[in-house]
Amino acid sequence: ACGSSDRDAHHETAAMMDASAPRGRFSRCRACGLVYLDPRVPAGDLGRYYSHAYLPYRGPEAWGRWRGLVASGLRATDRRRVARARAFGSIGPASRVLDVGCGHPTFLEALHGESGCEAVGVDFSDEGWRGDPERWYGLELHAGELADVALTGAFDLVTMWHYLEHDYAPADTLRRVRGLVGEAAHLVIEVPDHDSWSRRRYGPYWAGYHTPRHTALWDPSTMRVLLERAGWRVESIEPLGTLDPWTLVWMSRQERRGIDWSASMERYFAGFVAGRVVSWPVLSRLEKARGRGGDGFLTAVARPA
């Protein structure tokens, strides 16, 4: 976050959602406290760890007969993101919105459908949209690294929903984005929160590490250092997100159990729902009463400095 290379060994975790991947070693920066993967997988080799076992790519189909309910939950996440995006001012047909790391671009689809805005997405792969081009008509989607994509004009809003923890050069990315926005624009970043109680509770099994795909684990302090260093003025950093934090806790528990992530998730659905209804409210209140941080995610909002 701060540019220093002075660090201490922090800990190791097993690879997550891919038993063939090597264990990951994490270091902590002595200057700013950022925890990061050290060494990182060479960027050119990273694609092999987005395999058939990678649950986010499998989507609702991984949950068998419960796929409809899972898809409904994903749509609810998109609605929360749209509401978050529209909270920063009027977004209409004249507005330009950029989503970095758009993946399966359902957030942009929902925002464009509601507001008519010019919706632009960038992702390192077109895996999320190339199979159904007609569905994404009206969106401008680019496959490639942000630094290599030709984007023109000024954006009014830039979002990064669980992208920055994957980025190999986050300060460079944020400087690049700073050059793509108007002076009144907002930047919204959501990432796992290394300062959360769920990370403290589950330790090396915490799904927020997502080894080796997550290269850095941000907390409010290191996120502020990064944004200010890259030319942004922080408006707020809050210990919350649009993703349901129970999902992060549930995945951490499954990492501890050592489940086969390539198998059908259908048999786990009832336990997932029961835990969300019964265990989660008690667990969340208990950990917050202990003052051990937020549930698992943080959201940063910034403007150009």
Protein backbone atom coordinates (compact mmCIF):
# COMPACT_ATOMS: atom_id res chain seq x y z
CA ALA A 1 0.00 0.00 0.00
CA CYS A 2 2.80 2.42 0.90
CA GLY A 3 5.50 1.25 -1.52
CA SER A 4 7.84 -0.18 1.13
CA SER A 5 9.47 -3.59 0.65
CA ASP A 6 10.29 -3.99 4.37
CA ARG A 7 8.20 -6.88 5.67
CA ASP A 8 7.90 -9.72 8.15
CA ALA A 9 6.60 -13.24 7.55
CA HIS A 10 2.94 -13.36 8.59
CA HIS A 11 1.56 -16.88 8.05
CA GLU A 12 0.72 -19.58 5.51
CA THR A 13 -2.57 -20.93 4.23
CA ALA A 14 -3.51 -23.88 2.08
CA ALA A 15 -4.71 -23.15 -1.45
CA MET A 16 -8.47 -22.59 -1.55
CA MET A 17 -10.92 -24.13 -4.01
CA ASP A 18 -8.03 -25.91 -5.75
CA ALA A 19 -6.24 -28.77 -4.04
CA SER A 20 -3.56 -28.82 -6.76
CA ALA A 21 -2.34 -25.29 -6.01
CA PRO A 22 0.65 -24.73 -3.69
CA ARG A 23 0.33 -23.32 -0.19
CA GLY A 24 0.49 -19.55 0.02
CA ARG A 25 2.87 -17.52 2.18
CA PHE A 26 1.75 -14.10 3.36
CA SER A 27 3.92 -11.22 4.58
CA ARG A 28 3.02 -8.08 6.52
CA CYS A 29 4.49 -4.70 5.63
CA ARG A 30 6.40 -3.22 8.56
CA ALA A 31 5.57 0.32 7.44
CA CYS A 32 1.82 0.26 6.72
CA GLY A 33 0.70 -3.17 7.94
CA LEU A 34 -0.65 -4.51 4.64
CA VAL A 35 -0.83 -8.33 4.50
CA TYR A 36 -0.03 -9.67 1.06
CA LEU A 37 0.83 -12.88 -0.79
CA ASP A 38 4.61 -13.23 -0.98
CA PRO A 39 5.61 -14.52 -3.44
CA ARG A 40 2.65 -14.18 -5.75
CA VAL A 41 1.80 -16.63 -8.50
CA PRO A 42 3.22 -15.29 -11.78
CA ALA A 43 0.41 -13.36 -13.43
CA GLY A 44 0.60 -15.49 -16.55
CA ASP A 45 -0.01 -18.66 -14.51
CA LEU A 46 -2.94 -17.38 -12.49
CA GLY A 47 -5.59 -18.59 -14.93
CA ARG A 48 -4.98 -22.23 -14.00
CA TYR A 49 -6.40 -21.56 -10.53
CA TYR A 50 -9.77 -20.52 -11.94
CA SER A 51 -10.66 -24.15 -12.61
CA HIS A 52 -13.79 -26.31 -12.52
CA ALA A 53 -13.57 -26.14 -8.71
CA TYR A 54 -13.88 -22.34 -8.63
CA LEU A 55 -17.37 -21.82 -7.20
CA PRO A 56 -17.99 -18.21 -8.37
CA TYR A 57 -17.47 -19.27 -12.00
CA ARG A 58 -19.80 -22.25 -11.57
CA GLY A 59 -22.59 -19.94 -10.44
CA PRO A 60 -26.12 -21.09 -9.53
CA GLU A 61 -25.77 -24.31 -11.56
CA ALA A 62 -23.37 -25.63 -8.90
CA TRP A 63 -26.31 -25.79 -6.47
CA GLY A 64 -28.39 -28.27 -8.46
CA ARG A 65 -32.13 -28.11 -7.78
CA TRP A 66 -31.60 -25.02 -5.62
CA ARG A 67 -30.17 -23.04 -8.53
CA GLY A 68 -33.23 -20.79 -8.75
CA LEU A 69 -32.96 -19.65 -5.14
CA VAL A 70 -29.23 -19.05 -5.50
CA ALA A 71 -29.82 -17.00 -8.65
CA SER A 72 -32.40 -14.96 -6.74
CA GLY A 73 -29.80 -14.25 -4.05
CA LEU A 74 -27.32 -13.03 -6.66
CA ARG A 75 -29.95 -10.69 -8.12
CA ALA A 76 -30.53 -9.29 -4.63
CA THR A 77 -26.79 -8.53 -4.39
CA ASP A 78 -26.99 -6.66 -7.70
CA ARG A 79 -29.95 -4.64 -6.42
CA ARG A 80 -27.95 -3.61 -3.35
CA ARG A 81 -25.08 -2.57 -5.60
CA VAL A 82 -27.37 -0.55 -7.85
CA ALA A 83 -28.83 1.21 -4.81
CA ARG A 84 -25.31 1.92 -3.56
CA ALA A 85 -24.28 3.32 -6.95
CA ARG A 86 -27.33 5.56 -7.21
CA ALA A 87 -26.82 6.96 -3.71
CA PHE A 88 -24.06 9.28 -4.96
CA GLY A 89 -26.31 11.41 -7.14
CA SER A 90 -28.52 11.19 -10.16
CA ILE A 91 -27.53 8.51 -12.66
CA GLY A 92 -29.34 8.77 -15.96
CA PRO A 93 -28.86 8.35 -19.70
CA ALA A 94 -26.13 11.02 -19.75
CA SER A 95 -24.10 9.30 -17.01
CA ARG A 96 -21.04 7.11 -17.64
CA VAL A 97 -20.29 4.25 -15.25
CA LEU A 98 -17.21 2.00 -15.30
CA ASP A 99 -17.12 -1.34 -13.47
CA VAL A 100 -13.57 -2.69 -13.16
CA GLY A 101 -13.48 -6.47 -12.81
CA CYS A 102 -17.05 -6.78 -14.11
CA GLY A 103 -16.94 -10.59 -14.44
CA HIS A 104 -20.46 -11.79 -15.20
CA PRO A 105 -21.74 -8.23 -15.79
CA THR A 106 -25.13 -8.51 -14.09
CA PHE A 107 -24.53 -5.40 -11.96
CA LEU A 108 -24.01 -3.29 -15.08
CA GLU A 109 -27.00 -4.95 -16.71
CA ALA A 110 -29.21 -4.01 -13.75
CA LEU A 111 -27.86 -0.45 -13.49
CA HIS A 112 -28.20 0.17 -17.23
CA GLY A 113 -31.72 -1.26 -17.19
CA GLU A 114 -32.82 1.06 -14.37
CA SER A 115 -31.06 4.27 -15.38
CA GLY A 116 -30.20 4.04 -19.08
CA CYS A 117 -26.63 5.08 -18.23
CA GLU A 118 -23.67 4.32 -20.46
CA ALA A 119 -22.37 1.19 -18.76
CA VAL A 120 -18.78 0.08 -19.41
CA GLY A 121 -17.15 -3.04 -17.98
CA VAL A 122 -13.56 -4.29 -18.01
CA ASP A 123 -12.36 -7.74 -16.99
CA PHE A 124 -9.18 -9.68 -17.68
CA SER A 125 -11.30 -12.39 -19.36
CA ASP A 126 -14.51 -12.35 -21.42
CA GLU A 127 -15.54 -15.67 -19.82
CA GLY A 128 -18.41 -13.92 -18.07
CA TRP A 129 -20.19 -12.68 -21.17
CA ARG A 130 -18.95 -14.23 -24.40
CA GLY A 131 -21.38 -17.16 -24.30
CA ASP A 132 -24.50 -14.96 -24.52
CA PRO A 133 -23.73 -11.79 -26.50
CA GLU A 134 -27.38 -10.89 -27.13
CA ARG A 135 -28.11 -10.67 -23.42
CA TRP A 136 -25.47 -7.99 -22.91
CA TYR A 137 -26.57 -5.77 -25.79
CA GLY A 138 -26.33 -2.15 -24.66
CA LEU A 139 -23.26 -2.70 -22.46
CA GLU A 140 -19.72 -1.82 -23.54
CA LEU A 141 -17.54 -4.72 -22.39
CA HIS A 142 -13.77 -5.03 -22.73
CA ALA A 143 -11.53 -8.05 -22.09
CA GLY A 144 -8.00 -7.20 -20.98
CA GLU A 145 -6.04 -5.36 -18.33
CA LEU A 146 -7.33 -1.88 -17.53
CA ALA A 147 -3.98 -0.35 -18.51
CA ASP A 148 -4.29 -1.84 -22.01
CA VAL A 149 -7.94 -1.00 -22.74
CA ALA A 150 -8.64 2.17 -24.72
CA LEU A 151 -11.27 4.15 -22.81
CA THR A 152 -12.25 7.69 -23.72
CA GLY A 153 -14.27 10.37 -22.00
CA ALA A 154 -14.79 11.02 -18.30
CA PHE A 155 -16.69 8.61 -16.05
CA ASP A 156 -19.06 9.80 -13.33
CA LEU A 157 -18.79 6.66 -11.23
CA VAL A 158 -16.27 3.81 -11.04
CA THR A 159 -17.02 0.62 -9.11
CA MET A 160 -14.76 -2.25 -8.08
CA TRP A 161 -16.80 -5.05 -6.52
CA HIS A 162 -14.24 -7.55 -5.18
CA TYR A 163 -11.65 -6.71 -7.78
CA LEU A 164 -8.85 -4.87 -5.98
CA GLU A 165 -7.79 -7.85 -3.86
CA HIS A 166 -6.92 -9.63 -7.14
CA ASP A 167 -4.95 -6.72 -8.64
CA TYR A 168 -1.17 -7.14 -9.04
CA ALA A 169 -0.56 -3.37 -9.26
CA PRO A 170 -3.38 -1.71 -7.29
CA ALA A 171 -1.74 1.73 -6.96
CA ASP A 172 -1.15 1.86 -10.73
CA THR A 173 -4.75 0.81 -11.36
CA LEU A 174 -6.13 3.52 -9.10
CA ARG A 175 -3.93 6.15 -10.77
CA ARG A 176 -5.19 4.98 -14.16
CA VAL A 177 -8.79 5.28 -12.94
CA ARG A 178 -8.01 8.75 -11.54
CA GLY A 179 -7.23 9.83 -15.10
CA LEU A 180 -10.55 8.50 -16.40
CA VAL A 181 -12.96 10.41 -14.15
CA GLY A 182 -14.36 13.88 -13.80
CA GLU A 183 -13.63 16.00 -10.74
CA ALA A 184 -17.06 15.26 -9.24
CA ALA A 185 -16.84 11.49 -9.76
CA HIS A 186 -17.02 8.83 -7.07
CA LEU A 187 -15.02 5.62 -6.73
CA VAL A 188 -16.58 2.70 -4.81
CA ILE A 189 -14.42 -0.26 -3.73
CA GLU A 190 -15.63 -3.39 -1.92
CA VAL A 191 -13.11 -5.98 -0.65
CA PRO A 192 -12.75 -8.56 2.14
CA ASP A 193 -11.79 -6.87 5.42
CA HIS A 194 -8.65 -8.30 7.03
CA ASP A 195 -9.57 -6.43 10.21
CA SER A 196 -12.87 -8.33 10.56
CA TRP A 197 -13.85 -10.73 13.33
CA SER A 198 -14.47 -13.48 10.77
CA ARG A 199 -10.77 -13.37 9.80
CA ARG A 200 -9.75 -13.52 13.46
CA ARG A 201 -12.15 -16.37 14.13
CA TYR A 202 -11.21 -18.59 11.20
CA GLY A 203 -7.51 -17.73 10.88
CA PRO A 204 -5.80 -19.55 7.97
CA TYR A 205 -9.17 -21.00 6.89
CA TRP A 206 -10.73 -17.56 6.36
CA ALA A 207 -12.15 -17.57 2.84
CA GLY A 208 -11.13 -13.93 2.36
CA TYR A 209 -7.56 -15.10 1.77
CA HIS A 210 -8.76 -17.06 -1.27
CA THR A 211 -5.20 -18.26 -1.80
CA PRO A 212 -3.58 -17.80 -4.35
CA ARG A 213 -6.09 -15.55 -6.16
CA HIS A 214 -6.12 -12.70 -3.64
CA THR A 215 -2.81 -10.89 -3.69
CA ALA A 216 -3.46 -8.41 -0.85
CA LEU A 217 -5.79 -8.30 2.16
CA TRP A 218 -6.99 -4.79 2.83
CA ASP A 219 -8.21 -3.19 6.04
CA PRO A 220 -9.46 0.37 6.63
CA SER A 221 -5.97 1.70 7.42
CA THR A 222 -4.14 0.21 4.44
CA MET A 223 -7.00 1.06 2.08
CA ARG A 224 -6.73 4.71 3.10
CA VAL A 225 -2.94 4.69 2.56
CA LEU A 226 -3.37 3.18 -0.90
CA LEU A 227 -6.11 5.56 -2.05
CA GLU A 228 -4.36 8.70 -0.85
CA ARG A 229 -1.07 7.61 -2.41
CA ALA A 230 -2.86 7.07 -5.74
CA GLY A 231 -4.46 10.54 -5.88
CA TRP A 232 -7.83 9.99 -4.16
CA ARG A 233 -9.53 11.69 -1.22
CA VAL A 234 -11.31 9.21 1.04
CA GLU A 235 -14.91 10.08 1.90
CA SER A 236 -15.70 6.99 3.93
CA ILE A 237 -14.47 3.50 4.77
CA GLU A 238 -17.10 1.32 6.42
CA PRO A 239 -17.00 -2.30 7.70
CA LEU A 240 -19.82 -3.49 5.45
CA GLY A 241 -20.49 -4.66 1.93
CA THR A 242 -23.15 -5.70 -0.53
CA LEU A 243 -22.28 -9.39 -0.27
CA ASP A 244 -23.95 -11.33 2.52
CA PRO A 245 -21.19 -11.82 5.15
CA TRP A 246 -22.65 -15.20 6.11
CA THR A 247 -21.41 -16.47 2.74
CA LEU A 248 -17.84 -15.65 3.78
CA VAL A 249 -18.29 -17.36 7.15
CA TRP A 250 -19.87 -20.43 5.53
CA MET A 251 -17.04 -20.75 3.00
CA SER A 252 -14.48 -20.41 5.80
CA ARG A 253 -16.16 -23.26 7.66
CA GLN A 254 -16.10 -25.42 4.54
CA GLU A 255 -12.40 -24.65 4.01
CA ARG A 256 -11.80 -25.88 7.56
CA ARG A 257 -13.76 -29.04 6.79
CA GLY A 258 -11.82 -29.56 3.55
CA ILE A 259 -14.80 -30.12 1.23
CA ASP A 260 -14.46 -30.89 -2.47
CA TRP A 261 -15.33 -27.59 -4.14
CA SER A 262 -15.63 -29.24 -7.56
CA ALA A 263 -18.56 -31.41 -6.37
CA SER A 264 -22.23 -30.44 -6.42
CA MET A 265 -23.16 -27.96 -3.71
CA GLU A 266 -26.75 -29.22 -3.67
CA ARG A 267 -26.34 -31.25 -0.48
CA TYR A 268 -24.92 -28.24 1.38
CA PHE A 269 -27.80 -25.89 0.65
CA ALA A 270 -30.06 -26.82 3.60
CA GLY A 271 -27.17 -26.37 6.04
CA PHE A 272 -26.24 -23.06 4.43
CA VAL A 273 -29.78 -21.71 4.87
CA ALA A 274 -30.19 -23.09 8.39
CA GLY A 275 -26.92 -21.49 9.44
CA ARG A 276 -27.94 -18.16 7.90
CA VAL A 277 -31.22 -18.14 9.82
CA VAL A 278 -30.14 -19.65 13.17
CA SER A 279 -26.38 -19.36 13.68
CA TRP A 280 -25.53 -16.11 11.92
CA PRO A 281 -27.56 -13.60 14.02
CA VAL A 282 -26.17 -15.02 17.27
CA LEU A 283 -22.59 -15.29 16.00
CA SER A 284 -22.54 -11.78 14.53
CA ARG A 285 -23.92 -10.15 17.69
CA LEU A 286 -21.51 -12.08 19.90
CA GLU A 287 -18.41 -11.14 17.92
CA LYS A 288 -19.41 -7.50 17.56
CA ALA A 289 -20.05 -7.30 21.32
CA ARG A 290 -16.45 -8.41 21.78
CA GLY A 291 -15.32 -5.47 19.62
CA ARG A 292 -13.47 -7.69 17.15
CA GLY A 293 -14.23 -5.69 13.97
CA GLY A 294 -16.79 -5.92 11.20
CA ASP A 295 -18.43 -9.02 9.73
CA GLY A 296 -16.03 -9.58 6.84
CA PHE A 297 -16.19 -6.90 4.15
CA LEU A 298 -15.33 -3.23 3.83
CA THR A 299 -16.48 -0.54 1.42
CA ALA A 300 -14.39 2.52 0.58
CA VAL A 301 -15.79 5.61 -1.15
CA ALA A 302 -13.41 8.22 -2.58
CA ARG A 303 -13.32 11.29 -4.83
CA PRO A 304 -10.45 12.67 -6.89
CA ALA A 305 -8.00 14.55 -4.66
